[in-house]
Structures are given as structure tokens and as C-alpha cells.
Amino acid sequence: RYVRKARRAAGSTGQVLLQLLEMRLDNTVFRMGMAPT
């Protein structure tokens, strides 16, 4: 589903896919250091 969403967006599909995954709430909480994994 994320790949299909990235395909529809403008720009490089691979880069948009990584951005979509990185901007998920669970990943954002992890990157802020609130959780170890």
C-alpha cells in the first residue's frame, strides 16, 4: 500500500516511500528517543 502511495506522489518513488515510512508516528517516537526500538 505504501509503494502504491509513493508511486502516485511526485518525485522519486523510492525516496517518497522511505519518507512515508519515516514519518509514521511509531518511527517518529523512536527517532526522538522515547523508545529503544
PDB file of all heavy atoms in Angstrom:
ATOM      1  N   ARG A   1       0.832  -1.206   0.000  1.00  0.00           N
ATOM      2  CA  ARG A   1       0.000   0.000   0.000  1.00  0.00           C
ATOM      3  C   ARG A   1       0.875   1.267   0.000  1.00  0.00           C
ATOM      4  O   ARG A   1       0.592   2.236  -0.694  1.00  0.00           O
ATOM      5  CB  ARG A   1      -0.913  -0.005   1.230  1.00  0.00           C
ATOM      6  CG  ARG A   1      -2.165   0.843   1.056  1.00  0.00           C
ATOM      7  CD  ARG A   1      -3.076   0.736   2.266  1.00  0.00           C
ATOM      8  NE  ARG A   1      -3.609  -0.603   2.416  1.00  0.00           N
ATOM      9  CZ  ARG A   1      -3.876  -1.177   3.591  1.00  0.00           C
ATOM     10  NH1 ARG A   1      -3.611  -0.532   4.711  1.00  0.00           N
ATOM     11  NH2 ARG A   1      -4.385  -2.392   3.658  1.00  0.00           N
ATOM     12  N   TYR A   2       1.966   1.229   0.776  1.00  0.00           N
ATOM     13  CA  TYR A   2       2.894   2.369   0.810  1.00  0.00           C
ATOM     14  C   TYR A   2       3.575   2.571  -0.548  1.00  0.00           C
ATOM     15  O   TYR A   2       3.775   3.698  -0.977  1.00  0.00           O
ATOM     16  CB  TYR A   2       3.956   2.164   1.898  1.00  0.00           C
ATOM     17  CG  TYR A   2       3.512   2.594   3.277  1.00  0.00           C
ATOM     18  CD1 TYR A   2       3.388   1.675   4.312  1.00  0.00           C
ATOM     19  CD2 TYR A   2       3.220   3.924   3.556  1.00  0.00           C
ATOM     20  CE1 TYR A   2       2.981   2.065   5.585  1.00  0.00           C
ATOM     21  CE2 TYR A   2       2.813   4.327   4.822  1.00  0.00           C
ATOM     22  CZ  TYR A   2       2.692   3.392   5.831  1.00  0.00           C
ATOM     23  OH  TYR A   2       2.283   3.786   7.085  1.00  0.00           O
ATOM     24  N   VAL A   3       3.938   1.459  -1.200  1.00  0.00           N
ATOM     25  CA  VAL A   3       4.585   1.549  -2.517  1.00  0.00           C
ATOM     26  C   VAL A   3       3.628   2.189  -3.521  1.00  0.00           C
ATOM     27  O   VAL A   3       4.017   3.059  -4.302  1.00  0.00           O
ATOM     28  CB  VAL A   3       5.057   0.156  -3.002  1.00  0.00           C
ATOM     29  CG1 VAL A   3       5.534   0.205  -4.448  1.00  0.00           C
ATOM     30  CG2 VAL A   3       6.177  -0.364  -2.116  1.00  0.00           C
ATOM     31  N   ARG A   4       2.361   1.773  -3.488  1.00  0.00           N
ATOM     32  CA  ARG A   4       1.365   2.345  -4.410  1.00  0.00           C
ATOM     33  C   ARG A   4       1.154   3.833  -4.140  1.00  0.00           C
ATOM     34  O   ARG A   4       0.997   4.628  -5.069  1.00  0.00           O
ATOM     35  CB  ARG A   4       0.040   1.589  -4.276  1.00  0.00           C
ATOM     36  CG  ARG A   4       0.086   0.225  -4.943  1.00  0.00           C
ATOM     37  CD  ARG A   4      -1.176  -0.552  -4.743  1.00  0.00           C
ATOM     38  NE  ARG A   4      -1.112  -1.813  -5.486  1.00  0.00           N
ATOM     39  CZ  ARG A   4      -1.797  -2.895  -5.151  1.00  0.00           C
ATOM     40  NH1 ARG A   4      -2.591  -2.891  -4.089  1.00  0.00           N
ATOM     41  NH2 ARG A   4      -1.701  -3.995  -5.883  1.00  0.00           N
ATOM     42  N   LYS A   5       1.167   4.188  -2.866  1.00  0.00           N
ATOM     43  CA  LYS A   5       1.011   5.597  -2.484  1.00  0.00           C
ATOM     44  C   LYS A   5       2.211   6.421  -2.975  1.00  0.00           C
ATOM     45  O   LYS A   5       2.053   7.541  -3.472  1.00  0.00           O
ATOM     46  CB  LYS A   5       0.890   5.700  -0.954  1.00  0.00           C
ATOM     47  CG  LYS A   5       0.320   7.012  -0.460  1.00  0.00           C
ATOM     48  CD  LYS A   5       0.087   6.943   1.040  1.00  0.00           C
ATOM     49  CE  LYS A   5      -0.442   8.239   1.584  1.00  0.00           C
ATOM     50  NZ  LYS A   5      -0.626   8.189   3.050  1.00  0.00           N
ATOM     51  N   ALA A   6       3.406   5.858  -2.839  1.00  0.00           N
ATOM     52  CA  ALA A   6       4.640   6.532  -3.279  1.00  0.00           C
ATOM     53  C   ALA A   6       4.656   6.696  -4.796  1.00  0.00           C
ATOM     54  O   ALA A   6       5.156   7.695  -5.317  1.00  0.00           O
ATOM     55  CB  ALA A   6       5.860   5.741  -2.820  1.00  0.00           C
ATOM     56  N   ARG A   7       4.092   5.709  -5.507  1.00  0.00           N
ATOM     57  CA  ARG A   7       4.021   5.776  -6.971  1.00  0.00           C
ATOM     58  C   ARG A   7       3.193   6.975  -7.435  1.00  0.00           C
ATOM     59  O   ARG A   7       3.508   7.623  -8.426  1.00  0.00           O
ATOM     60  CB  ARG A   7       3.347   4.503  -7.505  1.00  0.00           C
ATOM     61  CG  ARG A   7       4.299   3.370  -7.706  1.00  0.00           C
ATOM     62  CD  ARG A   7       4.712   3.266  -9.172  1.00  0.00           C
ATOM     63  NE  ARG A   7       5.867   2.409  -9.304  1.00  0.00           N
ATOM     64  CZ  ARG A   7       5.794   1.088  -9.382  1.00  0.00           C
ATOM     65  NH1 ARG A   7       4.635   0.485  -9.320  1.00  0.00           N
ATOM     66  NH2 ARG A   7       6.901   0.394  -9.527  1.00  0.00           N
ATOM     67  N   ARG A   8       2.087   7.220  -6.715  1.00  0.00           N
ATOM     68  CA  ARG A   8       1.173   8.305  -7.107  1.00  0.00           C
ATOM     69  C   ARG A   8       1.746   9.686  -6.800  1.00  0.00           C
ATOM     70  O   ARG A   8       1.360  10.677  -7.409  1.00  0.00           O
ATOM     71  CB  ARG A   8      -0.185   8.138  -6.409  1.00  0.00           C
ATOM     72  CG  ARG A   8      -0.988   6.946  -6.908  1.00  0.00           C
ATOM     73  CD  ARG A   8      -2.420   7.015  -6.446  1.00  0.00           C
ATOM     74  NE  ARG A   8      -2.540   6.939  -4.999  1.00  0.00           N
ATOM     75  CZ  ARG A   8      -2.705   5.808  -4.315  1.00  0.00           C
ATOM     76  NH1 ARG A   8      -2.751   4.642  -4.961  1.00  0.00           N
ATOM     77  NH2 ARG A   8      -2.811   5.807  -3.000  1.00  0.00           N
ATOM     78  N   ALA A   9       2.652   9.751  -5.819  1.00  0.00           N
ATOM     79  CA  ALA A   9       3.225  11.044  -5.415  1.00  0.00           C
ATOM     80  C   ALA A   9       4.281  11.505  -6.414  1.00  0.00           C
ATOM     81  O   ALA A   9       4.854  10.708  -7.147  1.00  0.00           O
ATOM     82  CB  ALA A   9       3.843  10.922  -4.029  1.00  0.00           C
ATOM     83  N   ALA A  10       4.525  12.809  -6.426  1.00  0.00           N
ATOM     84  CA  ALA A  10       5.549  13.373  -7.320  1.00  0.00           C
ATOM     85  C   ALA A  10       6.933  13.099  -6.742  1.00  0.00           C
ATOM     86  O   ALA A  10       7.101  13.021  -5.528  1.00  0.00           O
ATOM     87  CB  ALA A  10       5.324  14.869  -7.451  1.00  0.00           C
ATOM     88  N   GLY A  11       7.915  12.952  -7.615  1.00  0.00           N
ATOM     89  CA  GLY A  11       9.296  12.730  -7.172  1.00  0.00           C
ATOM     90  C   GLY A  11       9.714  11.280  -7.284  1.00  0.00           C
ATOM     91  O   GLY A  11       8.980  10.435  -7.806  1.00  0.00           O
ATOM     92  N   SER A  12      10.901  10.982  -6.778  1.00  0.00           N
ATOM     93  CA  SER A  12      11.457   9.630  -6.836  1.00  0.00           C
ATOM     94  C   SER A  12      10.637   8.686  -5.954  1.00  0.00           C
ATOM     95  O   SER A  12      10.483   8.932  -4.756  1.00  0.00           O
ATOM     96  CB  SER A  12      12.910   9.654  -6.362  1.00  0.00           C
ATOM     97  OG  SER A  12      13.353   8.352  -6.091  1.00  0.00           O
ATOM     98  N   THR A  13      10.128   7.606  -6.548  1.00  0.00           N
ATOM     99  CA  THR A  13       9.258   6.665  -5.814  1.00  0.00           C
ATOM    100  C   THR A  13       9.971   6.096  -4.594  1.00  0.00           C
ATOM    101  O   THR A  13       9.385   6.032  -3.507  1.00  0.00           O
ATOM    102  CB  THR A  13       8.797   5.519  -6.743  1.00  0.00           C
ATOM    103  OG1 THR A  13       8.179   6.085  -7.895  1.00  0.00           O
ATOM    104  CG2 THR A  13       7.813   4.606  -6.050  1.00  0.00           C
ATOM    105  N   GLY A  14      11.239   5.695  -4.746  1.00  0.00           N
ATOM    106  CA  GLY A  14      11.993   5.111  -3.638  1.00  0.00           C
ATOM    107  C   GLY A  14      12.169   6.074  -2.485  1.00  0.00           C
ATOM    108  O   GLY A  14      11.996   5.716  -1.317  1.00  0.00           O
ATOM    109  N   GLN A  15      12.480   7.313  -2.808  1.00  0.00           N
ATOM    110  CA  GLN A  15      12.686   8.329  -1.776  1.00  0.00           C
ATOM    111  C   GLN A  15      11.385   8.673  -1.060  1.00  0.00           C
ATOM    112  O   GLN A  15      11.353   8.806   0.165  1.00  0.00           O
ATOM    113  CB  GLN A  15      13.273   9.593  -2.413  1.00  0.00           C
ATOM    114  CG  GLN A  15      14.137  10.380  -1.440  1.00  0.00           C
ATOM    115  CD  GLN A  15      15.038  11.366  -2.160  1.00  0.00           C
ATOM    116  OE1 GLN A  15      15.626  11.043  -3.183  1.00  0.00           O
ATOM    117  NE2 GLN A  15      15.139  12.558  -1.635  1.00  0.00           N
ATOM    118  N   VAL A  16      10.302   8.788  -1.831  1.00  0.00           N
ATOM    119  CA  VAL A  16       8.972   9.086  -1.246  1.00  0.00           C
ATOM    120  C   VAL A  16       8.553   7.941  -0.330  1.00  0.00           C
ATOM    121  O   VAL A  16       8.003   8.163   0.750  1.00  0.00           O
ATOM    122  CB  VAL A  16       7.914   9.334  -2.354  1.00  0.00           C
ATOM    123  CG1 VAL A  16       6.516   9.457  -1.752  1.00  0.00           C
ATOM    124  CG2 VAL A  16       8.247  10.586  -3.153  1.00  0.00           C
ATOM    125  N   LEU A  17       8.837   6.703  -0.742  1.00  0.00           N
ATOM    126  CA  LEU A  17       8.498   5.529   0.071  1.00  0.00           C
ATOM    127  C   LEU A  17       9.196   5.584   1.428  1.00  0.00           C
ATOM    128  O   LEU A  17       8.560   5.394   2.475  1.00  0.00           O
ATOM    129  CB  LEU A  17       8.902   4.251  -0.683  1.00  0.00           C
ATOM    130  CG  LEU A  17       8.737   2.923   0.065  1.00  0.00           C
ATOM    131  CD1 LEU A  17       7.274   2.654   0.393  1.00  0.00           C
ATOM    132  CD2 LEU A  17       9.318   1.767  -0.735  1.00  0.00           C
ATOM    133  N   LEU A  18      10.506   5.891   1.413  1.00  0.00           N
ATOM    134  CA  LEU A  18      11.257   6.000   2.666  1.00  0.00           C
ATOM    135  C   LEU A  18      10.722   7.135   3.540  1.00  0.00           C
ATOM    136  O   LEU A  18      10.632   7.007   4.758  1.00  0.00           O
ATOM    137  CB  LEU A  18      12.744   6.214   2.386  1.00  0.00           C
ATOM    138  CG  LEU A  18      13.532   4.992   1.910  1.00  0.00           C
ATOM    139  CD1 LEU A  18      14.966   5.382   1.612  1.00  0.00           C
ATOM    140  CD2 LEU A  18      13.513   3.867   2.941  1.00  0.00           C
ATOM    141  N   GLN A  19      10.344   8.254   2.911  1.00  0.00           N
ATOM    142  CA  GLN A  19       9.800   9.388   3.661  1.00  0.00           C
ATOM    143  C   GLN A  19       8.474   9.019   4.317  1.00  0.00           C
ATOM    144  O   GLN A  19       8.224   9.367   5.479  1.00  0.00           O
ATOM    145  CB  GLN A  19       9.619  10.596   2.740  1.00  0.00           C
ATOM    146  CG  GLN A  19      10.932  11.289   2.397  1.00  0.00           C
ATOM    147  CD  GLN A  19      10.782  12.357   1.328  1.00  0.00           C
ATOM    148  OE1 GLN A  19       9.747  12.475   0.674  1.00  0.00           O
ATOM    149  NE2 GLN A  19      11.824  13.142   1.129  1.00  0.00           N
ATOM    150  N   LEU A  20       7.620   8.297   3.596  1.00  0.00           N
ATOM    151  CA  LEU A  20       6.329   7.870   4.155  1.00  0.00           C
ATOM    152  C   LEU A  20       6.533   6.976   5.368  1.00  0.00           C
ATOM    153  O   LEU A  20       5.850   7.121   6.385  1.00  0.00           O
ATOM    154  CB  LEU A  20       5.511   7.113   3.097  1.00  0.00           C
ATOM    155  CG  LEU A  20       4.859   7.927   1.981  1.00  0.00           C
ATOM    156  CD1 LEU A  20       4.293   7.005   0.907  1.00  0.00           C
ATOM    157  CD2 LEU A  20       3.744   8.825   2.525  1.00  0.00           C
ATOM    158  N   LEU A  21       7.498   6.063   5.276  1.00  0.00           N
ATOM    159  CA  LEU A  21       7.765   5.136   6.380  1.00  0.00           C
ATOM    160  C   LEU A  21       8.405   5.848   7.564  1.00  0.00           C
ATOM    161  O   LEU A  21       8.077   5.570   8.720  1.00  0.00           O
ATOM    162  CB  LEU A  21       8.656   3.988   5.907  1.00  0.00           C
ATOM    163  CG  LEU A  21       8.055   3.059   4.838  1.00  0.00           C
ATOM    164  CD1 LEU A  21       9.086   2.051   4.364  1.00  0.00           C
ATOM    165  CD2 LEU A  21       6.826   2.344   5.356  1.00  0.00           C
ATOM    166  N   GLU A  22       9.306   6.782   7.278  1.00  0.00           N
ATOM    167  CA  GLU A  22       9.988   7.515   8.348  1.00  0.00           C
ATOM    168  C   GLU A  22       9.041   8.471   9.080  1.00  0.00           C
ATOM    169  O   GLU A  22       9.267   8.787  10.250  1.00  0.00           O
ATOM    170  CB  GLU A  22      11.175   8.299   7.789  1.00  0.00           C
ATOM    171  CG  GLU A  22      12.406   7.449   7.529  1.00  0.00           C
ATOM    172  CD  GLU A  22      13.159   7.041   8.785  1.00  0.00           C
ATOM    173  OE1 GLU A  22      13.097   7.760   9.800  1.00  0.00           O
ATOM    174  OE2 GLU A  22      13.820   5.993   8.754  1.00  0.00           O
ATOM    175  N   MET A  23       7.996   8.945   8.387  1.00  0.00           N
ATOM    176  CA  MET A  23       7.070   9.904   9.003  1.00  0.00           C
ATOM    177  C   MET A  23       5.924   9.224   9.752  1.00  0.00           C
ATOM    178  O   MET A  23       5.022   9.887  10.261  1.00  0.00           O
ATOM    179  CB  MET A  23       6.500  10.858   7.944  1.00  0.00           C
ATOM    180  CG  MET A  23       7.540  11.726   7.257  1.00  0.00           C
ATOM    181  SD  MET A  23       8.540  12.725   8.358  1.00  0.00           S
ATOM    182  CE  MET A  23       7.448  14.109   8.634  1.00  0.00           C
ATOM    183  N   ARG A  24       5.956   7.888   9.848  1.00  0.00           N
ATOM    184  CA  ARG A  24       4.962   7.183  10.677  1.00  0.00           C
ATOM    185  C   ARG A  24       5.153   7.601  12.138  1.00  0.00           C
ATOM    186  O   ARG A  24       6.274   7.884  12.561  1.00  0.00           O
ATOM    187  CB  ARG A  24       5.155   5.672  10.557  1.00  0.00           C
ATOM    188  CG  ARG A  24       4.582   5.040   9.306  1.00  0.00           C
ATOM    189  CD  ARG A  24       5.056   3.598   9.185  1.00  0.00           C
ATOM    190  NE  ARG A  24       4.695   2.792  10.351  1.00  0.00           N
ATOM    191  CZ  ARG A  24       3.662   1.951  10.391  1.00  0.00           C
ATOM    192  NH1 ARG A  24       2.894   1.790   9.336  1.00  0.00           N
ATOM    193  NH2 ARG A  24       3.404   1.244  11.482  1.00  0.00           N
ATOM    194  N   LEU A  25       4.076   7.598  12.905  1.00  0.00           N
ATOM    195  CA  LEU A  25       4.159   8.048  14.305  1.00  0.00           C
ATOM    196  C   LEU A  25       5.074   7.155  15.136  1.00  0.00           C
ATOM    197  O   LEU A  25       5.886   7.649  15.918  1.00  0.00           O
ATOM    198  CB  LEU A  25       2.755   8.113  14.931  1.00  0.00           C
ATOM    199  CG  LEU A  25       2.683   8.583  16.389  1.00  0.00           C
ATOM    200  CD1 LEU A  25       3.278   9.981  16.563  1.00  0.00           C
ATOM    201  CD2 LEU A  25       1.247   8.562  16.907  1.00  0.00           C
ATOM    202  N   ASP A  26       4.966   5.823  14.960  1.00  0.00           N
ATOM    203  CA  ASP A  26       5.815   4.933  15.764  1.00  0.00           C
ATOM    204  C   ASP A  26       7.300   5.159  15.481  1.00  0.00           C
ATOM    205  O   ASP A  26       8.127   5.175  16.387  1.00  0.00           O
ATOM    206  CB  ASP A  26       5.426   3.456  15.593  1.00  0.00           C
ATOM    207  CG  ASP A  26       5.446   2.959  14.153  1.00  0.00           C
ATOM    208  OD1 ASP A  26       5.693   3.773  13.244  1.00  0.00           O
ATOM    209  OD2 ASP A  26       5.191   1.753  13.945  1.00  0.00           O
ATOM    210  N   ASN A  27       7.640   5.401  14.204  1.00  0.00           N
ATOM    211  CA  ASN A  27       9.041   5.646  13.854  1.00  0.00           C
ATOM    212  C   ASN A  27       9.508   7.004  14.372  1.00  0.00           C
ATOM    213  O   ASN A  27      10.642   7.143  14.826  1.00  0.00           O
ATOM    214  CB  ASN A  27       9.232   5.575  12.337  1.00  0.00           C
ATOM    215  CG  ASN A  27      10.694   5.640  11.966  1.00  0.00           C
ATOM    216  OD1 ASN A  27      11.449   4.707  12.192  1.00  0.00           O
ATOM    217  ND2 ASN A  27      11.119   6.781  11.442  1.00  0.00           N
ATOM    218  N   THR A  28       8.628   8.018  14.321  1.00  0.00           N
ATOM    219  CA  THR A  28       8.981   9.361  14.820  1.00  0.00           C
ATOM    220  C   THR A  28       9.253   9.323  16.322  1.00  0.00           C
ATOM    221  O   THR A  28      10.217   9.925  16.792  1.00  0.00           O
ATOM    222  CB  THR A  28       7.856  10.369  14.488  1.00  0.00           C
ATOM    223  OG1 THR A  28       7.599  10.310  13.077  1.00  0.00           O
ATOM    224  CG2 THR A  28       8.228  11.781  14.858  1.00  0.00           C
ATOM    225  N   VAL A  29       8.426   8.574  17.054  1.00  0.00           N
ATOM    226  CA  VAL A  29       8.610   8.401  18.504  1.00  0.00           C
ATOM    227  C   VAL A  29       9.954   7.721  18.772  1.00  0.00           C
ATOM    228  O   VAL A  29      10.706   8.119  19.664  1.00  0.00           O
ATOM    229  CB  VAL A  29       7.429   7.584  19.106  1.00  0.00           C
ATOM    230  CG1 VAL A  29       7.745   7.093  20.515  1.00  0.00           C
ATOM    231  CG2 VAL A  29       6.160   8.427  19.116  1.00  0.00           C
ATOM    232  N   PHE A  30      10.283   6.715  17.962  1.00  0.00           N
ATOM    233  CA  PHE A  30      11.567   6.007  18.088  1.00  0.00           C
ATOM    234  C   PHE A  30      12.739   6.939  17.794  1.00  0.00           C
ATOM    235  O   PHE A  30      13.732   6.958  18.521  1.00  0.00           O
ATOM    236  CB  PHE A  30      11.567   4.797  17.130  1.00  0.00           C
ATOM    237  CG  PHE A  30      12.932   4.249  16.816  1.00  0.00           C
ATOM    238  CD1 PHE A  30      13.699   3.633  17.794  1.00  0.00           C
ATOM    239  CD2 PHE A  30      13.455   4.328  15.526  1.00  0.00           C
ATOM    240  CE1 PHE A  30      14.956   3.118  17.494  1.00  0.00           C
ATOM    241  CE2 PHE A  30      14.709   3.816  15.226  1.00  0.00           C
ATOM    242  CZ  PHE A  30      15.459   3.214  16.213  1.00  0.00           C
ATOM    243  N   ARG A  31      12.637   7.740  16.727  1.00  0.00           N
ATOM    244  CA  ARG A  31      13.736   8.636  16.340  1.00  0.00           C
ATOM    245  C   ARG A  31      13.948   9.757  17.359  1.00  0.00           C
ATOM    246  O   ARG A  31      15.040  10.308  17.465  1.00  0.00           O
ATOM    247  CB  ARG A  31      13.491   9.233  14.953  1.00  0.00           C
ATOM    248  CG  ARG A  31      13.511   8.256  13.788  1.00  0.00           C
ATOM    249  CD  ARG A  31      14.768   7.417  13.681  1.00  0.00           C
ATOM    250  NE  ARG A  31      15.959   8.135  13.335  1.00  0.00           N
ATOM    251  CZ  ARG A  31      16.453   8.259  12.109  1.00  0.00           C
ATOM    252  NH1 ARG A  31      15.841   7.697  11.088  1.00  0.00           N
ATOM    253  NH2 ARG A  31      17.566   8.914  11.890  1.00  0.00           N
ATOM    254  N   MET A  32      12.900  10.107  18.097  1.00  0.00           N
ATOM    255  CA  MET A  32      13.047  11.123  19.152  1.00  0.00           C
ATOM    256  C   MET A  32      13.702  10.546  20.404  1.00  0.00           C
ATOM    257  O   MET A  32      14.043  11.284  21.325  1.00  0.00           O
ATOM    258  CB  MET A  32      11.679  11.713  19.506  1.00  0.00           C
ATOM    259  CG  MET A  32      11.153  12.690  18.470  1.00  0.00           C
ATOM    260  SD  MET A  32       9.529  13.324  18.936  1.00  0.00           S
ATOM    261  CE  MET A  32       9.272  14.554  17.653  1.00  0.00           C
ATOM    262  N   GLY A  33      13.824   9.224  20.453  1.00  0.00           N
ATOM    263  CA  GLY A  33      14.489   8.577  21.594  1.00  0.00           C
ATOM    264  C   GLY A  33      13.547   8.164  22.705  1.00  0.00           C
ATOM    265  O   GLY A  33      13.983   7.736  23.768  1.00  0.00           O
ATOM    266  N   MET A  34      12.234   8.288  22.465  1.00  0.00           N
ATOM    267  CA  MET A  34      11.261   7.917  23.504  1.00  0.00           C
ATOM    268  C   MET A  34      11.164   6.408  23.689  1.00  0.00           C
ATOM    269  O   MET A  34      10.612   5.936  24.674  1.00  0.00           O
ATOM    270  CB  MET A  34       9.872   8.449  23.155  1.00  0.00           C
ATOM    271  CG  MET A  34       9.732   9.952  23.185  1.00  0.00           C
ATOM    272  SD  MET A  34       7.987  10.367  23.049  1.00  0.00           S
ATOM    273  CE  MET A  34       8.039  11.815  22.017  1.00  0.00           C
ATOM    274  N   ALA A  35      11.663   5.639  22.711  1.00  0.00           N
ATOM    275  CA  ALA A  35      11.629   4.173  22.787  1.00  0.00           C
ATOM    276  C   ALA A  35      12.916   3.614  22.186  1.00  0.00           C
ATOM    277  O   ALA A  35      13.484   4.211  21.281  1.00  0.00           O
ATOM    278  CB  ALA A  35      10.407   3.651  22.034  1.00  0.00           C
ATOM    279  N   PRO A  36      13.383   2.458  22.678  1.00  0.00           N
ATOM    280  CA  PRO A  36      14.659   1.902  22.192  1.00  0.00           C
ATOM    281  C   PRO A  36      14.579   1.289  20.793  1.00  0.00           C
ATOM    282  O   PRO A  36      15.565   1.235  20.084  1.00  0.00           O
ATOM    283  CB  PRO A  36      14.994   0.837  23.235  1.00  0.00           C
ATOM    284  CG  PRO A  36      13.695   0.464  23.846  1.00  0.00           C
ATOM    285  CD  PRO A  36      12.833   1.689  23.796  1.00  0.00           C
ATOM    286  N   THR A  37      13.386   0.803  20.396  1.00  0.00           N
ATOM    287  CA  THR A  37      13.198   0.200  19.069  1.00  0.00           C
ATOM    288  C   THR A  37      11.839   0.624  18.520  1.00  0.00           C
ATOM    289  O   THR A  37      11.004   1.151  19.256  1.00  0.00           O
ATOM    290  CB  THR A  37      13.233  -1.344  19.141  1.00  0.00           C
ATOM    291  OG1 THR A  37      12.174  -1.773  20.009  1.00  0.00           O
ATOM    292  CG2 THR A  37      14.556  -1.874  19.644  1.00  0.00           C
TER     293      THR A  37
END
